Amino acid sequence: MLDVRLAVQSLTEAATTPAATLPIASNTSIDAELRASREHARRLSEMYGSHAAETAAAWDAVEEILAMKAHQRTHH
């Protein structure tokens, strides 16, 4: 359970960090991070339901990664 809390805390911090301050990674690492974040959000959805704060934070992190990917696509 502690691992899940640490992961949620990390994702929450990532979700509240403006995309402009996040490091720009290669497409491959962004895609891998996106896949992992989506899987994590799905698991939290199954564990806590779709309205839990942990779940919302995880899906917010997915959205931030998608925004970072779109930003990278438009600036390269």
C-alpha atoms as a PDB file:
ATOM      1  CA  MET A   1       0.000   0.000   0.000  1.00  0.00           C
ATOM      2  CA  LEU A   2       2.889   2.344   0.743  1.00  0.00           C
ATOM      3  CA  ASP A   3       4.163   1.951  -2.837  1.00  0.00           C
ATOM      4  CA  VAL A   4       0.769   3.014  -4.178  1.00  0.00           C
ATOM      5  CA  ARG A   5       0.748   6.069  -1.909  1.00  0.00           C
ATOM      6  CA  LEU A   6       4.249   7.046  -3.040  1.00  0.00           C
ATOM      7  CA  ALA A   7       3.267   6.593  -6.666  1.00  0.00           C
ATOM      8  CA  VAL A   8       0.129   8.665  -6.186  1.00  0.00           C
ATOM      9  CA  GLN A   9       2.138  11.368  -4.430  1.00  0.00           C
ATOM     10  CA  SER A  10       4.612  11.408  -7.297  1.00  0.00           C
ATOM     11  CA  LEU A  11       1.832  11.564  -9.871  1.00  0.00           C
ATOM     12  CA  THR A  12       0.062  14.285  -7.906  1.00  0.00           C
ATOM     13  CA  GLU A  13       3.228  16.357  -7.866  1.00  0.00           C
ATOM     14  CA  ALA A  14       3.683  15.782 -11.594  1.00  0.00           C
ATOM     15  CA  ALA A  15       0.082  16.740 -12.246  1.00  0.00           C
ATOM     16  CA  THR A  16       0.495  20.019 -10.383  1.00  0.00           C
ATOM     17  CA  THR A  17       3.785  20.908 -12.075  1.00  0.00           C
ATOM     18  CA  PRO A  18       3.230  23.165 -15.092  1.00  0.00           C
ATOM     19  CA  ALA A  19       4.087  21.369 -18.326  1.00  0.00           C
ATOM     20  CA  ALA A  20       6.525  24.138 -19.244  1.00  0.00           C
ATOM     21  CA  THR A  21       8.743  23.172 -16.290  1.00  0.00           C
ATOM     22  CA  LEU A  22       8.781  19.467 -17.045  1.00  0.00           C
ATOM     23  CA  PRO A  23      11.829  18.185 -18.891  1.00  0.00           C
ATOM     24  CA  ILE A  24      11.235  17.367 -22.534  1.00  0.00           C
ATOM     25  CA  ALA A  25      12.006  13.715 -23.137  1.00  0.00           C
ATOM     26  CA  SER A  26      12.321  11.747 -26.322  1.00  0.00           C
ATOM     27  CA  ASN A  27       9.165  10.424 -27.990  1.00  0.00           C
ATOM     28  CA  THR A  28      10.079   6.883 -26.980  1.00  0.00           C
ATOM     29  CA  SER A  29      10.380   7.718 -23.291  1.00  0.00           C
ATOM     30  CA  ILE A  30       7.236   9.874 -23.374  1.00  0.00           C
ATOM     31  CA  ASP A  31       5.305   7.000 -24.965  1.00  0.00           C
ATOM     32  CA  ALA A  32       6.614   4.580 -22.330  1.00  0.00           C
ATOM     33  CA  GLU A  33       5.749   7.010 -19.547  1.00  0.00           C
ATOM     34  CA  LEU A  34       2.300   7.516 -21.031  1.00  0.00           C
ATOM     35  CA  ARG A  35       1.648   3.760 -21.200  1.00  0.00           C
ATOM     36  CA  ALA A  36       2.806   3.295 -17.600  1.00  0.00           C
ATOM     37  CA  SER A  37       0.768   6.243 -16.354  1.00  0.00           C
ATOM     38  CA  ARG A  38      -2.372   5.032 -18.101  1.00  0.00           C
ATOM     39  CA  GLU A  39      -1.959   1.554 -16.644  1.00  0.00           C
ATOM     40  CA  HIS A  40      -1.413   3.044 -13.191  1.00  0.00           C
ATOM     41  CA  ALA A  41      -4.520   5.219 -13.526  1.00  0.00           C
ATOM     42  CA  ARG A  42      -6.579   2.214 -14.677  1.00  0.00           C
ATOM     43  CA  ARG A  43      -5.430   0.177 -11.691  1.00  0.00           C
ATOM     44  CA  LEU A  44      -6.254   2.988  -9.284  1.00  0.00           C
ATOM     45  CA  SER A  45      -9.672   3.281 -10.930  1.00  0.00           C
ATOM     46  CA  GLU A  46     -10.269  -0.405 -10.277  1.00  0.00           C
ATOM     47  CA  MET A  47      -8.988  -0.178  -6.693  1.00  0.00           C
ATOM     48  CA  TYR A  48     -10.573   3.083  -5.522  1.00  0.00           C
ATOM     49  CA  GLY A  49     -13.238   3.926  -8.099  1.00  0.00           C
ATOM     50  CA  SER A  50     -13.343   6.710 -10.629  1.00  0.00           C
ATOM     51  CA  HIS A  51     -14.164   9.503  -8.160  1.00  0.00           C
ATOM     52  CA  ALA A  52     -11.321   8.979  -5.663  1.00  0.00           C
ATOM     53  CA  ALA A  53      -8.698  11.702  -5.276  1.00  0.00           C
ATOM     54  CA  GLU A  54      -5.908   9.217  -6.018  1.00  0.00           C
ATOM     55  CA  THR A  55      -7.586   8.210  -9.255  1.00  0.00           C
ATOM     56  CA  ALA A  56      -8.165  11.819 -10.314  1.00  0.00           C
ATOM     57  CA  ALA A  57      -4.520  12.670  -9.645  1.00  0.00           C
ATOM     58  CA  ALA A  58      -3.367   9.702 -11.720  1.00  0.00           C
ATOM     59  CA  TRP A  59      -5.575  10.686 -14.674  1.00  0.00           C
ATOM     60  CA  ASP A  60      -4.377  14.295 -14.326  1.00  0.00           C
ATOM     61  CA  ALA A  61      -0.827  12.994 -14.686  1.00  0.00           C
ATOM     62  CA  VAL A  62      -1.855  11.157 -17.872  1.00  0.00           C
ATOM     63  CA  GLU A  63      -3.279  14.413 -19.235  1.00  0.00           C
ATOM     64  CA  GLU A  64      -0.054  16.257 -18.407  1.00  0.00           C
ATOM     65  CA  ILE A  65       1.975  13.663 -20.300  1.00  0.00           C
ATOM     66  CA  LEU A  66      -0.375  13.970 -23.267  1.00  0.00           C
ATOM     67  CA  ALA A  67       0.052  17.753 -23.164  1.00  0.00           C
ATOM     68  CA  MET A  68       3.825  17.377 -22.994  1.00  0.00           C
ATOM     69  CA  LYS A  69       3.722  15.017 -25.975  1.00  0.00           C
ATOM     70  CA  ALA A  70       1.564  17.471 -27.976  1.00  0.00           C
ATOM     71  CA  HIS A  71       3.867  20.335 -27.034  1.00  0.00           C
ATOM     72  CA  GLN A  72       6.912  18.384 -28.163  1.00  0.00           C
ATOM     73  CA  ARG A  73       5.212  17.471 -31.432  1.00  0.00           C
ATOM     74  CA  THR A  74       4.433  21.126 -32.246  1.00  0.00           C
ATOM     75  CA  HIS A  75       7.918  22.381 -31.352  1.00  0.00           C
ATOM     76  CA  HIS A  76      10.012  19.855 -33.257  1.00  0.00           C
END
